[in-house]
PDB file of N, CA and C in Angstrom:
ATOM      1  N   UNK A   1       0.771  -0.900  -0.165  1.00  0.00           N
ATOM      2  CA  UNK A   1       0.184  -0.097  -0.193  1.00  0.00           C
ATOM      3  C   UNK A   1       0.454   1.172  -0.116  1.00  0.00           C
ATOM      4  N   UNK A   2       0.539   2.443  -0.537  1.00  0.00           N
ATOM      5  CA  UNK A   2       1.137   3.395  -0.516  1.00  0.00           C
ATOM      6  C   UNK A   2       1.109   4.584   0.417  1.00  0.00           C
ATOM      7  N   UNK A   3       2.093   4.806   0.884  1.00  0.00           N
ATOM      8  CA  UNK A   3       1.444   5.559   2.172  1.00  0.00           C
ATOM      9  C   UNK A   3       1.376   7.335   1.506  1.00  0.00           C
ATOM     10  N   UNK A   4       0.961   8.298   2.193  1.00  0.00           N
ATOM     11  CA  UNK A   4       1.202   9.915   2.079  1.00  0.00           C
ATOM     12  C   UNK A   4       2.557  10.020   1.552  1.00  0.00           C
ATOM     13  N   UNK A   5       3.736   9.423   2.718  1.00  0.00           N
ATOM     14  CA  UNK A   5       5.125  10.105   2.133  1.00  0.00           C
ATOM     15  C   UNK A   5       6.060   9.730   0.785  1.00  0.00           C
ATOM     16  N   UNK A   6       5.031   8.301   0.629  1.00  0.00           N
ATOM     17  CA  UNK A   6       5.647   7.676  -0.766  1.00  0.00           C
ATOM     18  C   UNK A   6       4.910   8.652  -1.871  1.00  0.00           C
ATOM     19  N   UNK A   7       3.823   9.551  -2.105  1.00  0.00           N
ATOM     20  CA  UNK A   7       3.350   9.565  -3.123  1.00  0.00           C
ATOM     21  C   UNK A   7       3.691  11.262  -3.065  1.00  0.00           C
ATOM     22  N   UNK A   8       4.388  11.491  -4.016  1.00  0.00           N
ATOM     23  CA  UNK A   8       4.535  12.660  -4.680  1.00  0.00           C
ATOM     24  C   UNK A   8       3.842  13.122  -5.799  1.00  0.00           C
ATOM     25  N   UNK A   9       3.483  14.673  -5.462  1.00  0.00           N
ATOM     26  CA  UNK A   9       2.598  15.371  -6.916  1.00  0.00           C
ATOM     27  C   UNK A   9       3.593  16.843  -7.069  1.00  0.00           C
ATOM     28  N   UNK A  10       3.393  16.675  -8.390  1.00  0.00           N
ATOM     29  CA  UNK A  10       4.166  17.901  -8.598  1.00  0.00           C
ATOM     30  C   UNK A  10       2.751  19.022  -9.250  1.00  0.00           C
ATOM     31  N   UNK A  11       3.380  20.510  -9.262  1.00  0.00           N
ATOM     32  CA  UNK A  11       2.504  21.031 -10.239  1.00  0.00           C
ATOM     33  C   UNK A  11       1.790  20.299 -11.518  1.00  0.00           C
ATOM     34  N   UNK A  12       0.746  20.835 -11.703  1.00  0.00           N
ATOM     35  CA  UNK A  12       0.398  20.317 -13.116  1.00  0.00           C
ATOM     36  C   UNK A  12       0.602  21.859 -13.979  1.00  0.00           C
ATOM     37  N   UNK A  13       0.922  21.403 -15.561  1.00  0.00           N
ATOM     38  CA  UNK A  13       1.645  22.664 -16.613  1.00  0.00           C
ATOM     39  C   UNK A  13       1.135  22.083 -18.020  1.00  0.00           C
ATOM     40  N   UNK A  14       0.058  22.680 -18.479  1.00  0.00           N
ATOM     41  CA  UNK A  14       0.019  22.607 -19.698  1.00  0.00           C
ATOM     42  C   UNK A  14       0.901  23.109 -20.892  1.00  0.00           C
ATOM     43  N   UNK A  15       2.315  23.121 -20.619  1.00  0.00           N
ATOM     44  CA  UNK A  15       3.320  23.396 -20.955  1.00  0.00           C
ATOM     45  C   UNK A  15       4.118  22.045 -21.335  1.00  0.00           C
ATOM     46  N   UNK A  16       4.215  21.113 -20.485  1.00  0.00           N
ATOM     47  CA  UNK A  16       4.720  19.901 -20.473  1.00  0.00           C
ATOM     48  C   UNK A  16       3.897  18.945 -21.195  1.00  0.00           C
ATOM     49  N   UNK A  17       2.884  19.325 -21.927  1.00  0.00           N
ATOM     50  CA  UNK A  17       2.107  17.985 -22.300  1.00  0.00           C
ATOM     51  C   UNK A  17       1.875  18.741 -24.069  1.00  0.00           C
ATOM     52  N   UNK A  18       2.693  19.861 -24.754  1.00  0.00           N
ATOM     53  CA  UNK A  18       2.422  20.699 -26.033  1.00  0.00           C
ATOM     54  C   UNK A  18       3.931  19.863 -26.702  1.00  0.00           C
ATOM     55  N   UNK A  19       3.707  19.185 -26.992  1.00  0.00           N
ATOM     56  CA  UNK A  19       4.948  18.947 -28.166  1.00  0.00           C
ATOM     57  C   UNK A  19       5.020  19.072 -29.659  1.00  0.00           C
ATOM     58  N   UNK A  20       3.858  19.424 -30.230  1.00  0.00           N
ATOM     59  CA  UNK A  20       3.951  19.499 -31.644  1.00  0.00           C
ATOM     60  C   UNK A  20       3.116  21.117 -31.931  1.00  0.00           C
ATOM     61  N   UNK A  21       3.372  21.309 -33.072  1.00  0.00           N
ATOM     62  CA  UNK A  21       1.958  22.471 -33.150  1.00  0.00           C
ATOM     63  C   UNK A  21       0.760  21.922 -33.513  1.00  0.00           C
ATOM     64  N   UNK A  22       0.424  20.289 -34.136  1.00  0.00           N
ATOM     65  CA  UNK A  22      -0.716  19.839 -33.849  1.00  0.00           C
ATOM     66  C   UNK A  22      -1.181  20.040 -32.454  1.00  0.00           C
ATOM     67  N   UNK A  23      -0.274  19.867 -31.344  1.00  0.00           N
ATOM     68  CA  UNK A  23      -0.986  20.430 -29.978  1.00  0.00           C
ATOM     69  C   UNK A  23      -1.522  21.422 -30.038  1.00  0.00           C
ATOM     70  N   UNK A  24      -0.301  22.615 -30.412  1.00  0.00           N
ATOM     71  CA  UNK A  24      -1.103  24.237 -30.251  1.00  0.00           C
ATOM     72  C   UNK A  24      -1.788  24.287 -30.859  1.00  0.00           C
ATOM     73  N   UNK A  25      -2.108  23.873 -31.944  1.00  0.00           N
ATOM     74  CA  UNK A  25      -3.371  24.211 -32.648  1.00  0.00           C
ATOM     75  C   UNK A  25      -4.646  23.308 -31.874  1.00  0.00           C
ATOM     76  N   UNK A  26      -4.698  22.246 -31.497  1.00  0.00           N
ATOM     77  CA  UNK A  26      -5.904  21.592 -31.038  1.00  0.00           C
ATOM     78  C   UNK A  26      -6.084  22.485 -29.793  1.00  0.00           C
ATOM     79  N   UNK A  27      -4.943  22.683 -28.828  1.00  0.00           N
ATOM     80  CA  UNK A  27      -5.526  23.613 -27.865  1.00  0.00           C
ATOM     81  C   UNK A  27      -6.405  24.690 -27.801  1.00  0.00           C
ATOM     82  N   UNK A  28      -5.460  25.580 -28.815  1.00  0.00           N
ATOM     83  CA  UNK A  28      -6.083  26.820 -29.286  1.00  0.00           C
ATOM     84  C   UNK A  28      -7.396  26.626 -29.662  1.00  0.00           C
ATOM     85  N   UNK A  29      -7.655  26.088 -30.406  1.00  0.00           N
ATOM     86  CA  UNK A  29      -8.764  25.600 -31.298  1.00  0.00           C
ATOM     87  C   UNK A  29     -10.160  25.404 -29.905  1.00  0.00           C
ATOM     88  N   UNK A  30      -9.185  24.743 -29.445  1.00  0.00           N
ATOM     89  CA  UNK A  30     -10.289  24.273 -28.146  1.00  0.00           C
ATOM     90  C   UNK A  30     -10.616  24.948 -27.140  1.00  0.00           C
ATOM     91  N   UNK A  31      -9.883  25.934 -27.194  1.00  0.00           N
ATOM     92  CA  UNK A  31     -10.088  26.827 -26.065  1.00  0.00           C
ATOM     93  C   UNK A  31     -10.974  28.037 -26.440  1.00  0.00           C
ATOM     94  N   UNK A  32     -10.833  28.374 -28.082  1.00  0.00           N
ATOM     95  CA  UNK A  32     -11.669  29.751 -28.909  1.00  0.00           C
ATOM     96  C   UNK A  32     -13.393  29.068 -28.988  1.00  0.00           C
ATOM     97  N   UNK A  33     -13.147  27.557 -29.062  1.00  0.00           N
ATOM     98  CA  UNK A  33     -14.625  27.657 -29.104  1.00  0.00           C
ATOM     99  C   UNK A  33     -15.432  27.393 -27.947  1.00  0.00           C
ATOM    100  N   UNK A  34     -14.513  27.572 -26.745  1.00  0.00           N
ATOM    101  CA  UNK A  34     -15.433  28.040 -25.256  1.00  0.00           C
ATOM    102  C   UNK A  34     -15.358  29.024 -24.776  1.00  0.00           C
ATOM    103  N   UNK A  35     -14.708  29.967 -25.693  1.00  0.00           N
ATOM    104  CA  UNK A  35     -15.072  31.197 -25.490  1.00  0.00           C
ATOM    105  C   UNK A  35     -14.509  32.161 -24.284  1.00  0.00           C
ATOM    106  N   UNK A  36     -13.678  31.601 -23.617  1.00  0.00           N
ATOM    107  CA  UNK A  36     -13.179  32.362 -22.579  1.00  0.00           C
ATOM    108  C   UNK A  36     -11.999  33.073 -23.170  1.00  0.00           C
ATOM    109  N   UNK A  37     -11.909  34.082 -23.131  1.00  0.00           N
ATOM    110  CA  UNK A  37     -10.635  34.982 -23.331  1.00  0.00           C
ATOM    111  C   UNK A  37      -9.855  34.642 -22.572  1.00  0.00           C
ATOM    112  N   UNK A  38      -9.804  34.825 -21.286  1.00  0.00           N
ATOM    113  CA  UNK A  38      -9.004  35.066 -20.171  1.00  0.00           C
ATOM    114  C   UNK A  38      -7.914  33.542 -20.239  1.00  0.00           C
ATOM    115  N   UNK A  39      -9.112  32.649 -20.003  1.00  0.00           N
ATOM    116  CA  UNK A  39      -8.407  31.711 -20.414  1.00  0.00           C
ATOM    117  C   UNK A  39      -7.163  31.147 -21.721  1.00  0.00           C
ATOM    118  N   UNK A  40      -7.977  31.565 -22.620  1.00  0.00           N
ATOM    119  CA  UNK A  40      -7.269  31.875 -23.843  1.00  0.00           C
ATOM    120  C   UNK A  40      -5.976  32.456 -23.879  1.00  0.00           C
ATOM    121  N   UNK A  41      -5.758  33.644 -23.428  1.00  0.00           N
ATOM    122  CA  UNK A  41      -4.240  33.999 -23.214  1.00  0.00           C
ATOM    123  C   UNK A  41      -3.668  33.525 -22.353  1.00  0.00           C
ATOM    124  N   UNK A  42      -4.294  32.914 -20.910  1.00  0.00           N
ATOM    125  CA  UNK A  42      -3.041  32.232 -20.256  1.00  0.00           C
ATOM    126  C   UNK A  42      -2.677  31.141 -21.326  1.00  0.00           C
ATOM    127  N   UNK A  43      -3.568  29.973 -22.011  1.00  0.00           N
ATOM    128  CA  UNK A  43      -2.559  29.081 -22.847  1.00  0.00           C
ATOM    129  C   UNK A  43      -1.647  29.439 -23.434  1.00  0.00           C
ATOM    130  N   UNK A  44      -2.048  30.932 -24.286  1.00  0.00           N
ATOM    131  CA  UNK A  44      -0.590  31.173 -25.126  1.00  0.00           C
ATOM    132  C   UNK A  44       0.248  31.314 -24.039  1.00  0.00           C
ATOM    133  N   UNK A  45       0.456  31.852 -23.107  1.00  0.00           N
ATOM    134  CA  UNK A  45       1.382  31.565 -21.942  1.00  0.00           C
ATOM    135  C   UNK A  45       1.932  30.108 -22.194  1.00  0.00           C
ATOM    136  N   UNK A  46       0.952  28.829 -21.822  1.00  0.00           N
ATOM    137  CA  UNK A  46       1.424  27.546 -21.857  1.00  0.00           C
ATOM    138  C   UNK A  46       2.289  27.400 -22.541  1.00  0.00           C
ATOM    139  N   UNK A  47       1.988  28.045 -24.117  1.00  0.00           N
ATOM    140  CA  UNK A  47       2.501  27.847 -25.371  1.00  0.00           C
ATOM    141  C   UNK A  47       3.522  28.260 -25.082  1.00  0.00           C
ATOM    142  N   UNK A  48       3.973  29.200 -25.023  1.00  0.00           N
ATOM    143  CA  UNK A  48       5.284  29.968 -25.068  1.00  0.00           C
ATOM    144  C   UNK A  48       6.078  29.451 -24.313  1.00  0.00           C
ATOM    145  N   UNK A  49       5.714  29.247 -22.923  1.00  0.00           N
ATOM    146  CA  UNK A  49       6.651  28.234 -22.051  1.00  0.00           C
ATOM    147  C   UNK A  49       6.774  26.782 -22.741  1.00  0.00           C
ATOM    148  N   UNK A  50       6.352  26.626 -23.730  1.00  0.00           N
ATOM    149  CA  UNK A  50       6.576  25.286 -23.973  1.00  0.00           C
ATOM    150  C   UNK A  50       7.860  25.173 -25.393  1.00  0.00           C
ATOM    151  N   UNK A  51       7.430  26.282 -25.700  1.00  0.00           N
ATOM    152  CA  UNK A  51       8.380  26.590 -27.558  1.00  0.00           C
ATOM    153  C   UNK A  51       9.606  27.242 -26.486  1.00  0.00           C
ATOM    154  N   UNK A  52       9.587  28.041 -25.594  1.00  0.00           N
ATOM    155  CA  UNK A  52      10.810  28.152 -25.167  1.00  0.00           C
ATOM    156  C   UNK A  52      11.275  29.661 -25.252  1.00  0.00           C
ATOM    157  N   UNK A  53      11.022  30.570 -23.884  1.00  0.00           N
ATOM    158  CA  UNK A  53      10.630  32.150 -24.052  1.00  0.00           C
ATOM    159  C   UNK A  53      11.980  32.817 -24.337  1.00  0.00           C
ATOM    160  N   UNK A  54      12.886  32.414 -24.187  1.00  0.00           N
ATOM    161  CA  UNK A  54      14.238  33.132 -24.909  1.00  0.00           C
ATOM    162  C   UNK A  54      13.824  32.850 -26.635  1.00  0.00           C
ATOM    163  N   UNK A  55      13.248  31.833 -26.941  1.00  0.00           N
ATOM    164  CA  UNK A  55      13.331  31.867 -28.246  1.00  0.00           C
ATOM    165  C   UNK A  55      12.274  32.701 -28.713  1.00  0.00           C
ATOM    166  N   UNK A  56      11.296  32.760 -28.378  1.00  0.00           N
ATOM    167  CA  UNK A  56      10.154  33.582 -28.501  1.00  0.00           C
ATOM    168  C   UNK A  56      10.524  34.754 -28.417  1.00  0.00           C
ATOM    169  N   UNK A  57      11.277  35.084 -27.454  1.00  0.00           N
ATOM    170  CA  UNK A  57      11.530  36.768 -27.642  1.00  0.00           C
ATOM    171  C   UNK A  57      12.178  37.085 -28.315  1.00  0.00           C
ATOM    172  N   UNK A  58      13.411  35.968 -28.637  1.00  0.00           N
ATOM    173  CA  UNK A  58      14.867  36.386 -29.930  1.00  0.00           C
ATOM    174  C   UNK A  58      13.683  37.105 -31.060  1.00  0.00           C
ATOM    175  N   UNK A  59      12.464  35.974 -31.156  1.00  0.00           N
ATOM    176  CA  UNK A  59      12.230  35.813 -32.520  1.00  0.00           C
ATOM    177  C   UNK A  59      11.036  37.197 -32.927  1.00  0.00           C
ATOM    178  N   UNK A  60      10.148  37.423 -31.073  1.00  0.00           N
ATOM    179  CA  UNK A  60       9.092  38.609 -31.635  1.00  0.00           C
ATOM    180  C   UNK A  60       9.913  39.846 -31.495  1.00  0.00           C
ATOM    181  N   UNK A  61      11.079  39.780 -30.984  1.00  0.00           N
ATOM    182  CA  UNK A  61      11.358  41.527 -30.511  1.00  0.00           C
ATOM    183  C   UNK A  61      11.687  41.650 -29.184  1.00  0.00           C
ATOM    184  N   UNK A  62      10.721  40.981 -28.690  1.00  0.00           N
ATOM    185  CA  UNK A  62      10.207  41.361 -27.250  1.00  0.00           C
ATOM    186  C   UNK A  62      10.851  40.355 -25.764  1.00  0.00           C
ATOM    187  N   UNK A  63      10.960  41.661 -24.796  1.00  0.00           N
ATOM    188  CA  UNK A  63      11.963  40.754 -23.956  1.00  0.00           C
ATOM    189  C   UNK A  63      11.766  39.717 -23.789  1.00  0.00           C
ATOM    190  N   UNK A  64      11.978  39.004 -22.801  1.00  0.00           N
ATOM    191  CA  UNK A  64      11.829  37.442 -22.481  1.00  0.00           C
ATOM    192  C   UNK A  64      11.090  38.005 -21.220  1.00  0.00           C
ATOM    193  N   UNK A  65      11.416  38.957 -20.207  1.00  0.00           N
ATOM    194  CA  UNK A  65      10.394  39.355 -19.226  1.00  0.00           C
ATOM    195  C   UNK A  65       8.868  40.284 -19.420  1.00  0.00           C
ATOM    196  N   UNK A  66       9.260  40.892 -20.597  1.00  0.00           N
ATOM    197  CA  UNK A  66       7.637  41.665 -21.462  1.00  0.00           C
ATOM    198  C   UNK A  66       6.866  40.237 -21.781  1.00  0.00           C
ATOM    199  N   UNK A  67       7.647  39.387 -22.415  1.00  0.00           N
ATOM    200  CA  UNK A  67       6.740  38.230 -22.636  1.00  0.00           C
ATOM    201  C   UNK A  67       5.732  37.497 -21.375  1.00  0.00           C
ATOM    202  N   UNK A  68       6.889  37.266 -20.496  1.00  0.00           N
ATOM    203  CA  UNK A  68       6.379  36.427 -19.040  1.00  0.00           C
ATOM    204  C   UNK A  68       5.402  37.243 -18.905  1.00  0.00           C
ATOM    205  N   UNK A  69       5.192  38.536 -18.056  1.00  0.00           N
ATOM    206  CA  UNK A  69       4.534  39.541 -17.574  1.00  0.00           C
ATOM    207  C   UNK A  69       3.369  39.388 -18.417  1.00  0.00           C
ATOM    208  N   UNK A  70       3.264  39.729 -19.911  1.00  0.00           N
ATOM    209  CA  UNK A  70       2.200  39.796 -20.935  1.00  0.00           C
ATOM    210  C   UNK A  70       1.030  38.318 -21.203  1.00  0.00           C
ATOM    211  N   UNK A  71       2.368  37.581 -20.874  1.00  0.00           N
ATOM    212  CA  UNK A  71       1.319  36.076 -21.175  1.00  0.00           C
ATOM    213  C   UNK A  71       1.368  35.549 -19.941  1.00  0.00           C
ATOM    214  N   UNK A  72       1.405  36.214 -18.570  1.00  0.00           N
ATOM    215  CA  UNK A  72       0.865  35.752 -17.417  1.00  0.00           C
ATOM    216  C   UNK A  72      -0.503  35.399 -17.342  1.00  0.00           C
ATOM    217  N   UNK A  73      -1.209  35.044 -16.003  1.00  0.00           N
ATOM    218  CA  UNK A  73      -2.307  34.915 -16.074  1.00  0.00           C
ATOM    219  C   UNK A  73      -3.227  36.332 -15.523  1.00  0.00           C
ATOM    220  N   UNK A  74      -2.037  36.944 -15.012  1.00  0.00           N
ATOM    221  CA  UNK A  74      -2.779  38.111 -14.434  1.00  0.00           C
ATOM    222  C   UNK A  74      -2.852  39.284 -15.740  1.00  0.00           C
ATOM    223  N   UNK A  75      -1.810  38.677 -17.005  1.00  0.00           N
ATOM    224  CA  UNK A  75      -1.433  40.009 -17.797  1.00  0.00           C
ATOM    225  C   UNK A  75      -2.433  40.513 -19.173  1.00  0.00           C
ATOM    226  N   UNK A  76      -2.102  41.519 -19.417  1.00  0.00           N
ATOM    227  CA  UNK A  76      -2.886  41.829 -20.945  1.00  0.00           C
ATOM    228  C   UNK A  76      -2.560  42.023 -21.693  1.00  0.00           C
ATOM    229  N   UNK A  77      -1.707  41.272 -22.960  1.00  0.00           N
ATOM    230  CA  UNK A  77      -0.911  41.679 -23.884  1.00  0.00           C
ATOM    231  C   UNK A  77      -1.735  42.046 -24.947  1.00  0.00           C
ATOM    232  N   UNK A  78      -1.024  43.368 -25.791  1.00  0.00           N
ATOM    233  CA  UNK A  78      -1.685  43.832 -26.731  1.00  0.00           C
ATOM    234  C   UNK A  78      -1.477  42.892 -28.126  1.00  0.00           C
ATOM    235  N   UNK A  79      -2.615  43.913 -29.032  1.00  0.00           N
ATOM    236  CA  UNK A  79      -2.940  42.488 -29.851  1.00  0.00           C
ATOM    237  C   UNK A  79      -1.390  42.438 -30.711  1.00  0.00           C
ATOM    238  N   UNK A  80      -0.667  43.416 -30.719  1.00  0.00           N
ATOM    239  CA  UNK A  80       0.380  43.350 -31.280  1.00  0.00           C
ATOM    240  C   UNK A  80       1.448  41.973 -31.291  1.00  0.00           C
ATOM    241  N   UNK A  81       1.184  42.087 -29.418  1.00  0.00           N
ATOM    242  CA  UNK A  81       1.992  41.300 -28.841  1.00  0.00           C
ATOM    243  C   UNK A  81       1.557  39.416 -29.005  1.00  0.00           C
ATOM    244  N   UNK A  82       0.174  39.763 -28.893  1.00  0.00           N
ATOM    245  CA  UNK A  82      -0.554  38.419 -29.508  1.00  0.00           C
ATOM    246  C   UNK A  82      -0.054  37.866 -30.962  1.00  0.00           C
ATOM    247  N   UNK A  83      -0.026  38.867 -32.258  1.00  0.00           N
ATOM    248  CA  UNK A  83       0.051  38.652 -32.891  1.00  0.00           C
ATOM    249  C   UNK A  83       1.581  37.954 -33.765  1.00  0.00           C
ATOM    250  N   UNK A  84       2.230  38.858 -32.691  1.00  0.00           N
ATOM    251  CA  UNK A  84       4.029  38.454 -32.843  1.00  0.00           C
ATOM    252  C   UNK A  84       4.144  37.207 -32.452  1.00  0.00           C
ATOM    253  N   UNK A  85       3.492  36.736 -31.509  1.00  0.00           N
ATOM    254  CA  UNK A  85       3.681  35.309 -30.429  1.00  0.00           C
ATOM    255  C   UNK A  85       3.383  34.495 -31.774  1.00  0.00           C
ATOM    256  N   UNK A  86       2.009  34.358 -32.416  1.00  0.00           N
ATOM    257  CA  UNK A  86       1.033  33.667 -33.180  1.00  0.00           C
ATOM    258  C   UNK A  86       2.405  33.091 -34.463  1.00  0.00           C
ATOM    259  N   UNK A  87       3.063  34.726 -34.689  1.00  0.00           N
ATOM    260  CA  UNK A  87       3.718  34.804 -35.756  1.00  0.00           C
ATOM    261  C   UNK A  87       4.605  33.603 -35.882  1.00  0.00           C
ATOM    262  N   UNK A  88       5.604  34.045 -34.530  1.00  0.00           N
ATOM    263  CA  UNK A  88       6.968  33.393 -33.980  1.00  0.00           C
ATOM    264  C   UNK A  88       6.545  31.851 -33.975  1.00  0.00           C
ATOM    265  N   UNK A  89       5.334  31.312 -33.509  1.00  0.00           N
ATOM    266  CA  UNK A  89       4.981  30.379 -33.294  1.00  0.00           C
ATOM    267  C   UNK A  89       4.705  29.206 -34.985  1.00  0.00           C
ATOM    268  N   UNK A  90       4.783  29.840 -35.989  1.00  0.00           N
ATOM    269  CA  UNK A  90       4.348  29.522 -37.377  1.00  0.00           C
ATOM    270  C   UNK A  90       2.741  29.134 -37.372  1.00  0.00           C
ATOM    271  N   UNK A  91       2.306  30.362 -36.596  1.00  0.00           N
ATOM    272  CA  UNK A  91       0.750  30.353 -36.730  1.00  0.00           C
ATOM    273  C   UNK A  91       0.311  31.770 -37.408  1.00  0.00           C
ATOM    274  N   UNK A  92      -1.159  31.706 -37.637  1.00  0.00           N
ATOM    275  CA  UNK A  92      -1.371  33.145 -38.197  1.00  0.00           C
ATOM    276  C   UNK A  92      -3.148  33.071 -37.487  1.00  0.00           C
ATOM    277  N   UNK A  93      -3.250  34.316 -37.156  1.00  0.00           N
ATOM    278  CA  UNK A  93      -5.151  34.644 -37.212  1.00  0.00           C
ATOM    279  C   UNK A  93      -5.711  34.726 -38.160  1.00  0.00           C
ATOM    280  N   UNK A  94      -7.231  34.258 -38.111  1.00  0.00           N
ATOM    281  CA  UNK A  94      -7.606  34.213 -39.345  1.00  0.00           C
ATOM    282  C   UNK A  94      -9.293  34.445 -38.915  1.00  0.00           C
ATOM    283  N   UNK A  95      -9.793  35.245 -40.137  1.00  0.00           N
ATOM    284  CA  UNK A  95     -11.613  35.592 -39.737  1.00  0.00           C
ATOM    285  C   UNK A  95     -12.102  34.540 -40.330  1.00  0.00           C
ATOM    286  N   UNK A  96     -12.804  33.720 -40.094  1.00  0.00           N
ATOM    287  CA  UNK A  96     -14.338  33.204 -41.055  1.00  0.00           C
ATOM    288  C   UNK A  96     -15.035  32.805 -40.074  1.00  0.00           C
ATOM    289  N   UNK A  97     -16.273  32.778 -41.376  1.00  0.00           N
ATOM    290  CA  UNK A  97     -17.714  33.197 -40.791  1.00  0.00           C
ATOM    291  C   UNK A  97     -18.143  32.004 -39.811  1.00  0.00           C
ATOM    292  N   UNK A  98     -18.735  32.095 -38.936  1.00  0.00           N
ATOM    293  CA  UNK A  98     -19.155  31.497 -37.879  1.00  0.00           C
ATOM    294  C   UNK A  98     -20.407  30.924 -38.509  1.00  0.00           C
ATOM    295  N   UNK A  99     -21.283  31.406 -39.103  1.00  0.00           N
ATOM    296  CA  UNK A  99     -22.535  31.027 -39.787  1.00  0.00           C
ATOM    297  C   UNK A  99     -22.359  31.154 -41.733  1.00  0.00           C
ATOM    298  N   UNK A 100     -22.055  30.168 -42.125  1.00  0.00           N
ATOM    299  CA  UNK A 100     -21.664  30.750 -43.350  1.00  0.00           C
ATOM    300  C   UNK A 100     -22.446  31.049 -44.196  1.00  0.00           C
ATOM    301  N   UNK A 101     -23.980  30.534 -43.628  1.00  0.00           N
ATOM    302  CA  UNK A 101     -25.285  30.796 -44.248  1.00  0.00           C
ATOM    303  C   UNK A 101     -25.401  32.270 -44.195  1.00  0.00           C
ATOM    304  N   UNK A 102     -25.507  32.808 -43.053  1.00  0.00           N
ATOM    305  CA  UNK A 102     -25.455  34.290 -42.427  1.00  0.00           C
ATOM    306  C   UNK A 102     -24.162  34.959 -43.511  1.00  0.00           C
ATOM    307  N   UNK A 103     -22.985  34.527 -43.475  1.00  0.00           N
ATOM    308  CA  UNK A 103     -21.768  35.277 -44.741  1.00  0.00           C
ATOM    309  C   UNK A 103     -22.249  35.373 -45.880  1.00  0.00           C
ATOM    310  N   UNK A 104     -23.314  34.668 -46.308  1.00  0.00           N
ATOM    311  CA  UNK A 104     -23.965  34.738 -48.011  1.00  0.00           C
ATOM    312  C   UNK A 104     -24.910  36.092 -48.370  1.00  0.00           C
ATOM    313  N   UNK A 105     -25.594  36.275 -46.826  1.00  0.00           N
ATOM    314  CA  UNK A 105     -26.474  37.471 -47.311  1.00  0.00           C
ATOM    315  C   UNK A 105     -26.314  38.593 -46.434  1.00  0.00           C
ATOM    316  N   UNK A 106     -24.827  38.554 -46.191  1.00  0.00           N
ATOM    317  CA  UNK A 106     -24.359  39.856 -45.978  1.00  0.00           C
ATOM    318  C   UNK A 106     -24.413  40.728 -46.947  1.00  0.00           C
TER     319      UNK A 106
END
């Protein structure tokens, strides 16, 4: 039987489970479907950590500390920062009709 002293628990971090671009895309799309902006921005921080903040800082032109602050749970990144992070990840933001039938009549 396992005792409490034998059991070790570490803090769960989504960044530990993001292994490739497909994971990133699935994670972001799933959160977009939920519609929770705060969780989406926090997830962008998870993704950035999985990629490596130093690498993203170099590719975005934003300091490493600036990225950590902007992408923290309490951060409030500008659209420019979000766009730069997506570009550094090899992703882009697009707009598609939520309801193609309504888009045709507009």
